[in-house]
Amino acid sequence: MAFLLSQSQKNNHNYAHGVFGDLDIQHHLHSRFQEFLGSREVGEFMSGALAGAMTKAILAPLETIRTRMVVGVGSKNIAGSFIQVIEQQGWQGLWAGNMINMLRIIPTQAVELGTFECVKRSMTSLQHSSKHNQCPKLLIGSINFNLSFSWISPVAVAGAAAGIASTLVCHPLEVLKDRLTVSPEAYPNLGIAIRNIYKDGGIGAFYAGISPTLVGMLPYSTCYYFMYDTMKKSYCENRNKKSLSRPEMLLIGALAGFTASTISFPLEVARKRLMVGALQGKCPPNMAAALSEVIREEGLKGLYRGWGASCLKVMPSSGITWMFYEAWKDILLVQKANSL
């Protein structure tokens, strides 16, 4: 009898220990998950996603016109493109491909802005630590190199990393968006677009134009973030301010987008040619061939065909994105930190 009682008590103890142990594990995991959701990195990724979604919802018609003009579809001027789209497809035609555009921009902006912030902090921290520690040295023959990071711009490196990361993750969505925008007859919805693109070229077809995209993204993204950060700091120093107002963010973001777009626009033309070339029955084999084709057919000015429409889209998009991004960061990060 005593044996049975002791055995029963032991089983009850093990059961209680197992139950409460599982509860402790669940509570620990829940706490860690809440801590992860409240981290700075998640807040920055969320801010980027929300800013991108709100911006694209507002500026979808300009994106449609810009894409049509860059790839040479329809009218050669902005007003004519608007009228042509409305006559052919109605007002809803200005939002052609907007569903995939929204699905594209949310992860794109989340990855891009989140990566930018993380890499910028890491590079700044690396530079700061290298100032207080002896730099590593590289000896090649009789030449001694100091491997210092002081000459590297954290903002430029972060901008390049942000562009590359977002492009690698989200390029297939960009291809789908362009196909839906340029040829809604052949690709009436997302499901058919995915099936037809895969049927025509397999997985590789979703990465059509990835090389010129990466090459074009590097100067654009690097210049874009560098210009925004530089203009923001200079403006605040000249005005003796700690931060920008919302209208100032809108203006500086628009100027940064204008500068970066102007510098890298010929590569954007080549990228679009490669991505949608199959629709016209001719696809240049590489970026150099696409640039040569444009110059041969339209001269040097062809490299900037659609530049006005691009600026009309890029400038407000860039400004609005930064304005929304900084606003969401204030909500998700600054106010949360102040409440702790």
C-alpha atoms as a PDB file:
ATOM      1  CA  MET A   1       0.000   0.000   0.000  1.00  0.00           C
ATOM      2  CA  ALA A   2       2.807   2.347   0.889  1.00  0.00           C
ATOM      3  CA  PHE A   3       4.447   1.502  -2.412  1.00  0.00           C
ATOM      4  CA  LEU A   4       1.265   2.359  -4.314  1.00  0.00           C
ATOM      5  CA  LEU A   5       0.923   5.696  -2.514  1.00  0.00           C
ATOM      6  CA  SER A   6       4.507   6.672  -3.135  1.00  0.00           C
ATOM      7  CA  GLN A   7       4.198   5.662  -6.778  1.00  0.00           C
ATOM      8  CA  SER A   8       1.005   7.721  -7.120  1.00  0.00           C
ATOM      9  CA  GLN A   9       2.636  10.751  -5.501  1.00  0.00           C
ATOM     10  CA  LYS A  10       5.607  10.424  -7.809  1.00  0.00           C
ATOM     11  CA  ASN A  11       3.375  10.294 -10.876  1.00  0.00           C
ATOM     12  CA  ASN A  12       1.426  13.333  -9.688  1.00  0.00           C
ATOM     13  CA  HIS A  13       4.666  15.208  -9.106  1.00  0.00           C
ATOM     14  CA  ASN A  14       5.969  14.322 -12.567  1.00  0.00           C
ATOM     15  CA  TYR A  15       2.648  15.331 -14.164  1.00  0.00           C
ATOM     16  CA  ALA A  16       2.598  18.678 -12.358  1.00  0.00           C
ATOM     17  CA  HIS A  17       6.217  19.288 -13.184  1.00  0.00           C
ATOM     18  CA  GLY A  18       5.558  18.485 -16.838  1.00  0.00           C
ATOM     19  CA  VAL A  19       2.517  20.742 -17.038  1.00  0.00           C
ATOM     20  CA  PHE A  20       4.096  23.686 -15.263  1.00  0.00           C
ATOM     21  CA  GLY A  21       7.343  23.101 -17.110  1.00  0.00           C
ATOM     22  CA  ASP A  22       5.489  23.336 -20.416  1.00  0.00           C
ATOM     23  CA  LEU A  23       3.752  26.485 -19.188  1.00  0.00           C
ATOM     24  CA  ASP A  24       7.110  27.985 -18.267  1.00  0.00           C
ATOM     25  CA  ILE A  25       8.469  27.176 -21.721  1.00  0.00           C
ATOM     26  CA  GLN A  26       5.380  28.639 -23.390  1.00  0.00           C
ATOM     27  CA  HIS A  27       5.607  31.767 -21.254  1.00  0.00           C
ATOM     28  CA  HIS A  28       9.307  32.106 -22.080  1.00  0.00           C
ATOM     29  CA  LEU A  29       8.683  31.686 -25.807  1.00  0.00           C
ATOM     30  CA  HIS A  30       5.799  34.156 -25.654  1.00  0.00           C
ATOM     31  CA  SER A  31       8.008  36.689 -23.873  1.00  0.00           C
ATOM     32  CA  ARG A  32      10.797  36.226 -26.386  1.00  0.00           C
ATOM     33  CA  PHE A  33       8.332  36.615 -29.259  1.00  0.00           C
ATOM     34  CA  GLN A  34       6.948  39.828 -27.760  1.00  0.00           C
ATOM     35  CA  GLU A  35      10.486  41.071 -27.260  1.00  0.00           C
ATOM     36  CA  PHE A  36      11.257  40.280 -30.901  1.00  0.00           C
ATOM     37  CA  LEU A  37       8.140  42.115 -32.130  1.00  0.00           C
ATOM     38  CA  GLY A  38       9.083  45.122 -30.030  1.00  0.00           C
ATOM     39  CA  SER A  39      12.666  45.247 -31.274  1.00  0.00           C
ATOM     40  CA  ARG A  40      14.010  48.184 -33.228  1.00  0.00           C
ATOM     41  CA  GLU A  41      14.690  46.106 -36.329  1.00  0.00           C
ATOM     42  CA  VAL A  42      11.116  44.812 -36.555  1.00  0.00           C
ATOM     43  CA  GLY A  43       9.805  48.339 -36.042  1.00  0.00           C
ATOM     44  CA  GLU A  44      11.949  49.598 -38.924  1.00  0.00           C
ATOM     45  CA  PHE A  45      10.872  46.771 -41.222  1.00  0.00           C
ATOM     46  CA  MET A  46       7.213  47.395 -40.332  1.00  0.00           C
ATOM     47  CA  SER A  47       7.618  51.145 -40.872  1.00  0.00           C
ATOM     48  CA  GLY A  48       9.093  50.515 -44.309  1.00  0.00           C
ATOM     49  CA  ALA A  49       6.289  48.137 -45.279  1.00  0.00           C
ATOM     50  CA  LEU A  50       3.530  50.522 -44.169  1.00  0.00           C
ATOM     51  CA  ALA A  51       5.183  53.520 -45.811  1.00  0.00           C
ATOM     52  CA  GLY A  52       5.573  51.645 -49.097  1.00  0.00           C
ATOM     53  CA  ALA A  53       1.974  50.431 -49.118  1.00  0.00           C
ATOM     54  CA  MET A  54       0.538  53.885 -48.446  1.00  0.00           C
ATOM     55  CA  THR A  55       2.769  55.517 -51.063  1.00  0.00           C
ATOM     56  CA  LYS A  56       1.917  53.046 -53.820  1.00  0.00           C
ATOM     57  CA  ALA A  57      -1.807  53.289 -53.125  1.00  0.00           C
ATOM     58  CA  ILE A  58      -1.594  57.039 -53.774  1.00  0.00           C
ATOM     59  CA  LEU A  59       0.767  57.024 -56.749  1.00  0.00           C
ATOM     60  CA  ALA A  60      -0.306  53.919 -58.711  1.00  0.00           C
ATOM     61  CA  PRO A  61      -1.499  55.911 -61.803  1.00  0.00           C
ATOM     62  CA  LEU A  62       1.886  57.605 -62.175  1.00  0.00           C
ATOM     63  CA  GLU A  63       3.618  54.224 -61.932  1.00  0.00           C
ATOM     64  CA  THR A  64       1.414  52.896 -64.755  1.00  0.00           C
ATOM     65  CA  ILE A  65       2.200  55.858 -67.043  1.00  0.00           C
ATOM     66  CA  ARG A  66       5.912  55.721 -66.222  1.00  0.00           C
ATOM     67  CA  THR A  67       6.182  52.009 -67.053  1.00  0.00           C
ATOM     68  CA  ARG A  68       4.342  52.413 -70.384  1.00  0.00           C
ATOM     69  CA  MET A  69       6.560  55.297 -71.474  1.00  0.00           C
ATOM     70  CA  VAL A  70       9.829  53.664 -70.429  1.00  0.00           C
ATOM     71  CA  VAL A  71       9.135  50.499 -72.437  1.00  0.00           C
ATOM     72  CA  GLY A  72       7.783  52.450 -75.428  1.00  0.00           C
ATOM     73  CA  VAL A  73       4.108  51.446 -75.258  1.00  0.00           C
ATOM     74  CA  GLY A  74       1.524  53.952 -76.506  1.00  0.00           C
ATOM     75  CA  SER A  75       1.854  57.738 -76.438  1.00  0.00           C
ATOM     76  CA  LYS A  76       5.218  59.433 -76.036  1.00  0.00           C
ATOM     77  CA  ASN A  77       3.985  62.124 -73.631  1.00  0.00           C
ATOM     78  CA  ILE A  78       2.490  62.035 -70.157  1.00  0.00           C
ATOM     79  CA  ALA A  79      -0.899  63.608 -70.932  1.00  0.00           C
ATOM     80  CA  GLY A  80      -1.345  61.431 -74.017  1.00  0.00           C
ATOM     81  CA  SER A  81      -0.583  58.287 -72.015  1.00  0.00           C
ATOM     82  CA  PHE A  82      -3.174  59.200 -69.383  1.00  0.00           C
ATOM     83  CA  ILE A  83      -5.843  59.800 -72.031  1.00  0.00           C
ATOM     84  CA  GLN A  84      -4.940  56.636 -73.933  1.00  0.00           C
ATOM     85  CA  VAL A  85      -5.152  54.410 -70.863  1.00  0.00           C
ATOM     86  CA  ILE A  86      -8.501  55.899 -69.814  1.00  0.00           C
ATOM     87  CA  GLU A  87      -9.953  55.512 -73.334  1.00  0.00           C
ATOM     88  CA  GLN A  88      -8.812  51.913 -73.667  1.00  0.00           C
ATOM     89  CA  GLN A  89      -9.301  50.577 -70.139  1.00  0.00           C
ATOM     90  CA  GLY A  90     -11.274  53.187 -68.212  1.00  0.00           C
ATOM     91  CA  TRP A  91     -10.157  54.851 -65.005  1.00  0.00           C
ATOM     92  CA  GLN A  92      -9.367  51.473 -63.469  1.00  0.00           C
ATOM     93  CA  GLY A  93      -6.691  51.033 -66.144  1.00  0.00           C
ATOM     94  CA  LEU A  94      -4.553  53.567 -64.298  1.00  0.00           C
ATOM     95  CA  TRP A  95      -4.365  51.023 -61.477  1.00  0.00           C
ATOM     96  CA  ALA A  96      -3.515  48.082 -63.789  1.00  0.00           C
ATOM     97  CA  GLY A  97      -1.187  45.729 -61.972  1.00  0.00           C
ATOM     98  CA  ASN A  98      -1.701  47.620 -58.722  1.00  0.00           C
ATOM     99  CA  MET A  99      -2.537  44.484 -56.736  1.00  0.00           C
ATOM    100  CA  ILE A 100       0.806  42.903 -57.561  1.00  0.00           C
ATOM    101  CA  ASN A 101       2.402  46.319 -57.106  1.00  0.00           C
ATOM    102  CA  MET A 102       1.085  46.468 -53.550  1.00  0.00           C
ATOM    103  CA  LEU A 103       2.223  42.908 -52.880  1.00  0.00           C
ATOM    104  CA  ARG A 104       5.618  43.852 -54.304  1.00  0.00           C
ATOM    105  CA  ILE A 105       6.172  47.135 -52.539  1.00  0.00           C
ATOM    106  CA  ILE A 106       5.356  45.936 -49.014  1.00  0.00           C
ATOM    107  CA  PRO A 107       8.231  43.402 -48.803  1.00  0.00           C
ATOM    108  CA  THR A 108      10.452  45.551 -51.025  1.00  0.00           C
ATOM    109  CA  GLN A 109      10.257  48.642 -48.821  1.00  0.00           C
ATOM    110  CA  ALA A 110      10.397  46.567 -45.653  1.00  0.00           C
ATOM    111  CA  VAL A 111      13.581  44.793 -46.782  1.00  0.00           C
ATOM    112  CA  GLU A 112      15.122  47.923 -48.309  1.00  0.00           C
ATOM    113  CA  LEU A 113      14.584  50.392 -45.469  1.00  0.00           C
ATOM    114  CA  GLY A 114      15.137  47.774 -42.777  1.00  0.00           C
ATOM    115  CA  THR A 115      18.398  46.635 -44.379  1.00  0.00           C
ATOM    116  CA  PHE A 116      19.525  50.235 -44.796  1.00  0.00           C
ATOM    117  CA  GLU A 117      19.035  51.005 -41.103  1.00  0.00           C
ATOM    118  CA  CYS A 118      20.692  47.769 -39.920  1.00  0.00           C
ATOM    119  CA  VAL A 119      23.745  48.032 -42.197  1.00  0.00           C
ATOM    120  CA  LYS A 120      24.158  51.735 -41.463  1.00  0.00           C
ATOM    121  CA  ARG A 121      24.219  51.050 -37.702  1.00  0.00           C
ATOM    122  CA  SER A 122      26.634  48.158 -38.143  1.00  0.00           C
ATOM    123  CA  MET A 123      29.014  50.165 -40.339  1.00  0.00           C
ATOM    124  CA  THR A 124      28.885  53.165 -38.001  1.00  0.00           C
ATOM    125  CA  SER A 125      29.618  50.905 -35.018  1.00  0.00           C
ATOM    126  CA  LEU A 126      32.496  49.270 -36.910  1.00  0.00           C
ATOM    127  CA  GLN A 127      34.003  52.652 -37.731  1.00  0.00           C
ATOM    128  CA  HIS A 128      33.615  53.820 -34.145  1.00  0.00           C
ATOM    129  CA  SER A 129      35.318  50.722 -32.747  1.00  0.00           C
ATOM    130  CA  SER A 130      38.144  50.935 -35.296  1.00  0.00           C
ATOM    131  CA  LYS A 131      38.949  54.458 -34.083  1.00  0.00           C
ATOM    132  CA  HIS A 132      39.548  53.192 -30.559  1.00  0.00           C
ATOM    133  CA  ASN A 133      41.394  50.033 -31.537  1.00  0.00           C
ATOM    134  CA  GLN A 134      44.475  49.516 -33.647  1.00  0.00           C
ATOM    135  CA  CYS A 135      43.523  48.898 -37.263  1.00  0.00           C
ATOM    136  CA  PRO A 136      44.469  45.498 -38.728  1.00  0.00           C
ATOM    137  CA  LYS A 137      47.432  45.621 -41.093  1.00  0.00           C
ATOM    138  CA  LEU A 138      48.046  43.874 -44.398  1.00  0.00           C
ATOM    139  CA  LEU A 139      51.668  43.258 -45.399  1.00  0.00           C
ATOM    140  CA  ILE A 140      52.329  42.702 -49.109  1.00  0.00           C
ATOM    141  CA  GLY A 141      56.057  42.436 -49.698  1.00  0.00           C
ATOM    142  CA  SER A 142      57.590  45.576 -48.275  1.00  0.00           C
ATOM    143  CA  ILE A 143      54.295  47.532 -48.411  1.00  0.00           C
ATOM    144  CA  ASN A 144      52.236  47.799 -45.237  1.00  0.00           C
ATOM    145  CA  PHE A 145      48.532  48.661 -45.548  1.00  0.00           C
ATOM    146  CA  ASN A 146      46.345  49.882 -42.700  1.00  0.00           C
ATOM    147  CA  LEU A 147      42.894  48.322 -43.131  1.00  0.00           C
ATOM    148  CA  SER A 148      40.940  51.274 -41.794  1.00  0.00           C
ATOM    149  CA  PHE A 149      37.200  51.743 -42.368  1.00  0.00           C
ATOM    150  CA  SER A 150      37.259  55.481 -41.729  1.00  0.00           C
ATOM    151  CA  TRP A 151      37.151  56.362 -45.446  1.00  0.00           C
ATOM    152  CA  ILE A 152      34.010  54.300 -46.095  1.00  0.00           C
ATOM    153  CA  SER A 153      30.634  56.041 -45.935  1.00  0.00           C
ATOM    154  CA  PRO A 154      28.245  53.941 -43.806  1.00  0.00           C
ATOM    155  CA  VAL A 155      25.287  55.535 -45.608  1.00  0.00           C
ATOM    156  CA  ALA A 156      26.627  54.677 -49.076  1.00  0.00           C
ATOM    157  CA  VAL A 157      27.389  51.072 -48.090  1.00  0.00           C
ATOM    158  CA  ALA A 158      23.987  50.731 -46.426  1.00  0.00           C
ATOM    159  CA  GLY A 159      22.251  52.189 -49.473  1.00  0.00           C
ATOM    160  CA  ALA A 160      23.970  49.733 -51.816  1.00  0.00           C
ATOM    161  CA  ALA A 161      23.190  46.801 -49.502  1.00  0.00           C
ATOM    162  CA  ALA A 162      19.554  47.883 -49.236  1.00  0.00           C
ATOM    163  CA  GLY A 163      19.142  48.003 -53.015  1.00  0.00           C
ATOM    164  CA  ILE A 164      20.782  44.629 -53.576  1.00  0.00           C
ATOM    165  CA  ALA A 165      18.819  42.884 -50.811  1.00  0.00           C
ATOM    166  CA  SER A 166      15.430  44.212 -51.895  1.00  0.00           C
ATOM    167  CA  THR A 167      16.146  43.406 -55.553  1.00  0.00           C
ATOM    168  CA  LEU A 168      17.151  39.799 -54.900  1.00  0.00           C
ATOM    169  CA  VAL A 169      14.109  39.172 -52.703  1.00  0.00           C
ATOM    170  CA  CYS A 170      11.435  40.981 -54.705  1.00  0.00           C
ATOM    171  CA  HIS A 171      12.517  40.961 -58.381  1.00  0.00           C
ATOM    172  CA  PRO A 172       9.960  38.315 -59.466  1.00  0.00           C
ATOM    173  CA  LEU A 173       7.168  40.560 -58.216  1.00  0.00           C
ATOM    174  CA  GLU A 174       8.600  43.417 -60.279  1.00  0.00           C
ATOM    175  CA  VAL A 175       8.497  41.233 -63.401  1.00  0.00           C
ATOM    176  CA  LEU A 176       4.873  40.282 -62.710  1.00  0.00           C
ATOM    177  CA  LYS A 177       3.886  43.895 -62.114  1.00  0.00           C
ATOM    178  CA  ASP A 178       5.405  45.058 -65.387  1.00  0.00           C
ATOM    179  CA  ARG A 179       3.739  42.275 -67.377  1.00  0.00           C
ATOM    180  CA  LEU A 180       0.330  43.077 -65.868  1.00  0.00           C
ATOM    181  CA  THR A 181       0.822  46.788 -66.520  1.00  0.00           C
ATOM    182  CA  VAL A 182       2.148  46.651 -70.069  1.00  0.00           C
ATOM    183  CA  SER A 183       0.045  43.797 -71.477  1.00  0.00           C
ATOM    184  CA  PRO A 184      -3.211  43.331 -69.538  1.00  0.00           C
ATOM    185  CA  GLU A 185      -4.696  41.459 -72.532  1.00  0.00           C
ATOM    186  CA  ALA A 186      -2.088  38.696 -72.401  1.00  0.00           C
ATOM    187  CA  TYR A 187      -1.895  38.730 -68.597  1.00  0.00           C
ATOM    188  CA  PRO A 188      -5.395  39.590 -67.310  1.00  0.00           C
ATOM    189  CA  ASN A 189      -4.751  38.472 -63.731  1.00  0.00           C
ATOM    190  CA  LEU A 190      -1.997  37.368 -61.386  1.00  0.00           C
ATOM    191  CA  GLY A 191      -2.658  33.631 -61.650  1.00  0.00           C
ATOM    192  CA  ILE A 192      -2.512  33.585 -65.444  1.00  0.00           C
ATOM    193  CA  ALA A 193       0.592  35.790 -65.417  1.00  0.00           C
ATOM    194  CA  ILE A 194       2.453  33.420 -63.087  1.00  0.00           C
ATOM    195  CA  ARG A 195       1.415  30.358 -65.109  1.00  0.00           C
ATOM    196  CA  ASN A 196       2.318  31.840 -68.515  1.00  0.00           C
ATOM    197  CA  ILE A 197       5.655  33.280 -67.406  1.00  0.00           C
ATOM    198  CA  TYR A 198       6.643  29.951 -65.834  1.00  0.00           C
ATOM    199  CA  LYS A 199       5.486  28.081 -68.945  1.00  0.00           C
ATOM    200  CA  ASP A 200       7.537  30.333 -71.224  1.00  0.00           C
ATOM    201  CA  GLY A 201      10.801  30.312 -69.314  1.00  0.00           C
ATOM    202  CA  GLY A 202      10.577  28.443 -66.015  1.00  0.00           C
ATOM    203  CA  ILE A 203      11.837  29.957 -62.766  1.00  0.00           C
ATOM    204  CA  GLY A 204      14.499  31.911 -64.646  1.00  0.00           C
ATOM    205  CA  ALA A 205      11.808  33.932 -66.441  1.00  0.00           C
ATOM    206  CA  PHE A 206      10.851  35.543 -63.121  1.00  0.00           C
ATOM    207  CA  TYR A 207      14.401  36.890 -62.899  1.00  0.00           C
ATOM    208  CA  ALA A 208      14.494  38.341 -66.408  1.00  0.00           C
ATOM    209  CA  GLY A 209      16.613  41.471 -66.354  1.00  0.00           C
ATOM    210  CA  ILE A 210      18.102  40.746 -62.919  1.00  0.00           C
ATOM    211  CA  SER A 211      21.663  41.647 -64.020  1.00  0.00           C
ATOM    212  CA  PRO A 212      20.849  45.153 -65.283  1.00  0.00           C
ATOM    213  CA  THR A 213      18.529  45.593 -62.342  1.00  0.00           C
ATOM    214  CA  LEU A 214      21.357  44.958 -59.893  1.00  0.00           C
ATOM    215  CA  VAL A 215      23.783  47.084 -61.896  1.00  0.00           C
ATOM    216  CA  GLY A 216      21.235  49.892 -62.151  1.00  0.00           C
ATOM    217  CA  MET A 217      20.186  49.577 -58.531  1.00  0.00           C
ATOM    218  CA  LEU A 218      23.690  50.049 -57.140  1.00  0.00           C
ATOM    219  CA  PRO A 219      24.222  53.652 -58.352  1.00  0.00           C
ATOM    220  CA  TYR A 220      20.575  54.551 -57.769  1.00  0.00           C
ATOM    221  CA  SER A 221      20.263  53.133 -54.268  1.00  0.00           C
ATOM    222  CA  THR A 222      23.694  54.335 -53.160  1.00  0.00           C
ATOM    223  CA  CYS A 223      23.085  57.854 -54.460  1.00  0.00           C
ATOM    224  CA  TYR A 224      19.503  57.941 -53.215  1.00  0.00           C
ATOM    225  CA  TYR A 225      20.255  57.163 -49.578  1.00  0.00           C
ATOM    226  CA  PHE A 226      23.496  59.132 -49.554  1.00  0.00           C
ATOM    227  CA  MET A 227      21.781  62.258 -50.944  1.00  0.00           C
ATOM    228  CA  TYR A 228      18.875  62.000 -48.520  1.00  0.00           C
ATOM    229  CA  ASP A 229      21.088  61.537 -45.487  1.00  0.00           C
ATOM    230  CA  THR A 230      23.546  64.252 -46.567  1.00  0.00           C
ATOM    231  CA  MET A 231      20.850  66.816 -47.393  1.00  0.00           C
ATOM    232  CA  LYS A 232      19.003  66.009 -44.181  1.00  0.00           C
ATOM    233  CA  LYS A 233      22.093  66.524 -42.012  1.00  0.00           C
ATOM    234  CA  SER A 234      23.182  69.690 -43.856  1.00  0.00           C
ATOM    235  CA  TYR A 235      19.725  71.213 -43.634  1.00  0.00           C
ATOM    236  CA  CYS A 236      19.410  70.462 -39.916  1.00  0.00           C
ATOM    237  CA  GLU A 237      22.876  71.897 -39.219  1.00  0.00           C
ATOM    238  CA  ASN A 238      22.181  75.083 -41.187  1.00  0.00           C
ATOM    239  CA  ARG A 239      18.816  75.599 -39.517  1.00  0.00           C
ATOM    240  CA  ASN A 240      20.103  74.457 -36.112  1.00  0.00           C
ATOM    241  CA  LYS A 241      17.396  71.797 -35.896  1.00  0.00           C
ATOM    242  CA  LYS A 242      17.449  68.307 -34.446  1.00  0.00           C
ATOM    243  CA  SER A 243      14.916  66.834 -36.855  1.00  0.00           C
ATOM    244  CA  LEU A 244      12.904  67.643 -39.964  1.00  0.00           C
ATOM    245  CA  SER A 245       9.259  68.554 -40.140  1.00  0.00           C
ATOM    246  CA  ARG A 246       6.979  66.420 -42.328  1.00  0.00           C
ATOM    247  CA  PRO A 247       6.965  68.927 -45.250  1.00  0.00           C
ATOM    248  CA  GLU A 248      10.769  69.154 -45.061  1.00  0.00           C
ATOM    249  CA  MET A 249      11.048  65.349 -45.227  1.00  0.00           C
ATOM    250  CA  LEU A 250       8.748  65.408 -48.249  1.00  0.00           C
ATOM    251  CA  LEU A 251      10.906  67.978 -50.045  1.00  0.00           C
ATOM    252  CA  ILE A 252      14.318  66.473 -49.232  1.00  0.00           C
ATOM    253  CA  GLY A 253      13.116  62.969 -50.062  1.00  0.00           C
ATOM    254  CA  ALA A 254      11.814  64.211 -53.427  1.00  0.00           C
ATOM    255  CA  LEU A 255      15.149  65.901 -54.241  1.00  0.00           C
ATOM    256  CA  ALA A 256      17.077  62.742 -53.328  1.00  0.00           C
ATOM    257  CA  GLY A 257      14.847  60.674 -55.594  1.00  0.00           C
ATOM    258  CA  PHE A 258      15.216  63.166 -58.461  1.00  0.00           C
ATOM    259  CA  THR A 259      19.025  63.148 -58.267  1.00  0.00           C
ATOM    260  CA  ALA A 260      19.352  59.378 -58.032  1.00  0.00           C
ATOM    261  CA  SER A 261      16.844  58.754 -60.812  1.00  0.00           C
ATOM    262  CA  THR A 262      18.539  61.196 -63.193  1.00  0.00           C
ATOM    263  CA  ILE A 263      21.950  59.568 -62.701  1.00  0.00           C
ATOM    264  CA  SER A 264      20.771  55.977 -63.176  1.00  0.00           C
ATOM    265  CA  PHE A 265      17.904  56.420 -65.657  1.00  0.00           C
ATOM    266  CA  PRO A 266      19.660  54.962 -68.778  1.00  0.00           C
ATOM    267  CA  LEU A 267      20.202  51.739 -66.828  1.00  0.00           C
ATOM    268  CA  GLU A 268      16.521  51.789 -65.893  1.00  0.00           C
ATOM    269  CA  VAL A 269      15.592  51.989 -69.591  1.00  0.00           C
ATOM    270  CA  ALA A 270      17.819  48.997 -70.356  1.00  0.00           C
ATOM    271  CA  ARG A 271      16.366  47.071 -67.442  1.00  0.00           C
ATOM    272  CA  LYS A 272      12.784  47.608 -68.570  1.00  0.00           C
ATOM    273  CA  ARG A 273      13.682  46.650 -72.149  1.00  0.00           C
ATOM    274  CA  LEU A 274      15.064  43.319 -70.966  1.00  0.00           C
ATOM    275  CA  MET A 275      12.189  42.606 -68.606  1.00  0.00           C
ATOM    276  CA  VAL A 276       9.371  43.112 -71.136  1.00  0.00           C
ATOM    277  CA  GLY A 277      11.267  42.512 -74.402  1.00  0.00           C
ATOM    278  CA  ALA A 278       9.736  39.082 -74.784  1.00  0.00           C
ATOM    279  CA  LEU A 279       6.300  40.676 -75.119  1.00  0.00           C
ATOM    280  CA  GLN A 280       7.375  42.405 -78.341  1.00  0.00           C
ATOM    281  CA  GLY A 281       9.032  39.289 -79.769  1.00  0.00           C
ATOM    282  CA  LYS A 282      12.559  40.633 -79.341  1.00  0.00           C
ATOM    283  CA  CYS A 283      14.617  40.516 -76.197  1.00  0.00           C
ATOM    284  CA  PRO A 284      18.179  41.920 -76.107  1.00  0.00           C
ATOM    285  CA  PRO A 285      20.647  39.356 -74.737  1.00  0.00           C
ATOM    286  CA  ASN A 286      22.192  41.697 -72.158  1.00  0.00           C
ATOM    287  CA  MET A 287      22.208  45.236 -70.805  1.00  0.00           C
ATOM    288  CA  ALA A 288      24.868  46.497 -73.212  1.00  0.00           C
ATOM    289  CA  ALA A 289      22.840  45.188 -76.156  1.00  0.00           C
ATOM    290  CA  ALA A 290      19.704  46.849 -74.794  1.00  0.00           C
ATOM    291  CA  LEU A 291      21.490  50.193 -74.457  1.00  0.00           C
ATOM    292  CA  SER A 292      22.937  49.864 -77.977  1.00  0.00           C
ATOM    293  CA  GLU A 293      19.502  49.058 -79.352  1.00  0.00           C
ATOM    294  CA  VAL A 294      17.981  52.139 -77.764  1.00  0.00           C
ATOM    295  CA  ILE A 295      20.765  54.401 -79.060  1.00  0.00           C
ATOM    296  CA  ARG A 296      20.550  52.888 -82.549  1.00  0.00           C
ATOM    297  CA  GLU A 297      16.775  53.305 -82.787  1.00  0.00           C
ATOM    298  CA  GLU A 298      16.255  56.601 -80.961  1.00  0.00           C
ATOM    299  CA  GLY A 299      19.664  58.182 -80.468  1.00  0.00           C
ATOM    300  CA  LEU A 300      21.113  59.266 -77.126  1.00  0.00           C
ATOM    301  CA  LYS A 301      17.877  60.994 -76.170  1.00  0.00           C
ATOM    302  CA  GLY A 302      16.253  57.555 -76.200  1.00  0.00           C
ATOM    303  CA  LEU A 303      18.193  56.732 -73.041  1.00  0.00           C
ATOM    304  CA  TYR A 304      16.058  59.322 -71.275  1.00  0.00           C
ATOM    305  CA  ARG A 305      12.746  58.513 -72.889  1.00  0.00           C
ATOM    306  CA  GLY A 306      10.148  58.609 -70.127  1.00  0.00           C
ATOM    307  CA  TRP A 307      12.501  60.508 -67.808  1.00  0.00           C
ATOM    308  CA  GLY A 308       9.894  63.223 -67.204  1.00  0.00           C
ATOM    309  CA  ALA A 309       7.265  60.640 -66.296  1.00  0.00           C
ATOM    310  CA  SER A 310       9.811  58.873 -64.127  1.00  0.00           C
ATOM    311  CA  CYS A 311      10.603  62.066 -62.199  1.00  0.00           C
ATOM    312  CA  LEU A 312       6.889  62.769 -61.942  1.00  0.00           C
ATOM    313  CA  LYS A 313       6.541  59.416 -60.209  1.00  0.00           C
ATOM    314  CA  VAL A 314       9.886  59.105 -58.384  1.00  0.00           C
ATOM    315  CA  MET A 315       9.923  62.538 -56.749  1.00  0.00           C
ATOM    316  CA  PRO A 316       6.544  62.372 -54.974  1.00  0.00           C
ATOM    317  CA  SER A 317       7.055  58.658 -54.298  1.00  0.00           C
ATOM    318  CA  SER A 318      10.428  59.251 -52.646  1.00  0.00           C
ATOM    319  CA  GLY A 319       9.205  62.228 -50.650  1.00  0.00           C
ATOM    320  CA  ILE A 320       5.980  60.573 -49.490  1.00  0.00           C
ATOM    321  CA  THR A 321       7.797  57.341 -48.610  1.00  0.00           C
ATOM    322  CA  TRP A 322      10.300  59.124 -46.348  1.00  0.00           C
ATOM    323  CA  MET A 323       7.548  61.185 -44.770  1.00  0.00           C
ATOM    324  CA  PHE A 324       5.425  58.106 -43.998  1.00  0.00           C
ATOM    325  CA  TYR A 325       8.470  56.078 -42.952  1.00  0.00           C
ATOM    326  CA  GLU A 326       9.645  58.638 -40.409  1.00  0.00           C
ATOM    327  CA  ALA A 327       6.068  59.041 -39.150  1.00  0.00           C
ATOM    328  CA  TRP A 328       5.626  55.295 -38.637  1.00  0.00           C
ATOM    329  CA  LYS A 329       9.010  55.088 -36.915  1.00  0.00           C
ATOM    330  CA  ASP A 330       7.827  57.761 -34.489  1.00  0.00           C
ATOM    331  CA  ILE A 331       4.707  55.723 -33.779  1.00  0.00           C
ATOM    332  CA  LEU A 332       6.294  52.276 -33.555  1.00  0.00           C
ATOM    333  CA  LEU A 333       9.657  53.156 -32.008  1.00  0.00           C
ATOM    334  CA  VAL A 334       9.902  56.632 -30.467  1.00  0.00           C
ATOM    335  CA  GLN A 335       6.540  56.707 -28.717  1.00  0.00           C
ATOM    336  CA  LYS A 336       6.981  53.119 -27.538  1.00  0.00           C
ATOM    337  CA  ALA A 337      10.394  53.974 -26.089  1.00  0.00           C
ATOM    338  CA  ASN A 338       8.968  57.010 -24.313  1.00  0.00           C
ATOM    339  CA  SER A 339       6.179  54.940 -22.779  1.00  0.00           C
ATOM    340  CA  LEU A 340       8.607  52.448 -21.236  1.00  0.00           C
END
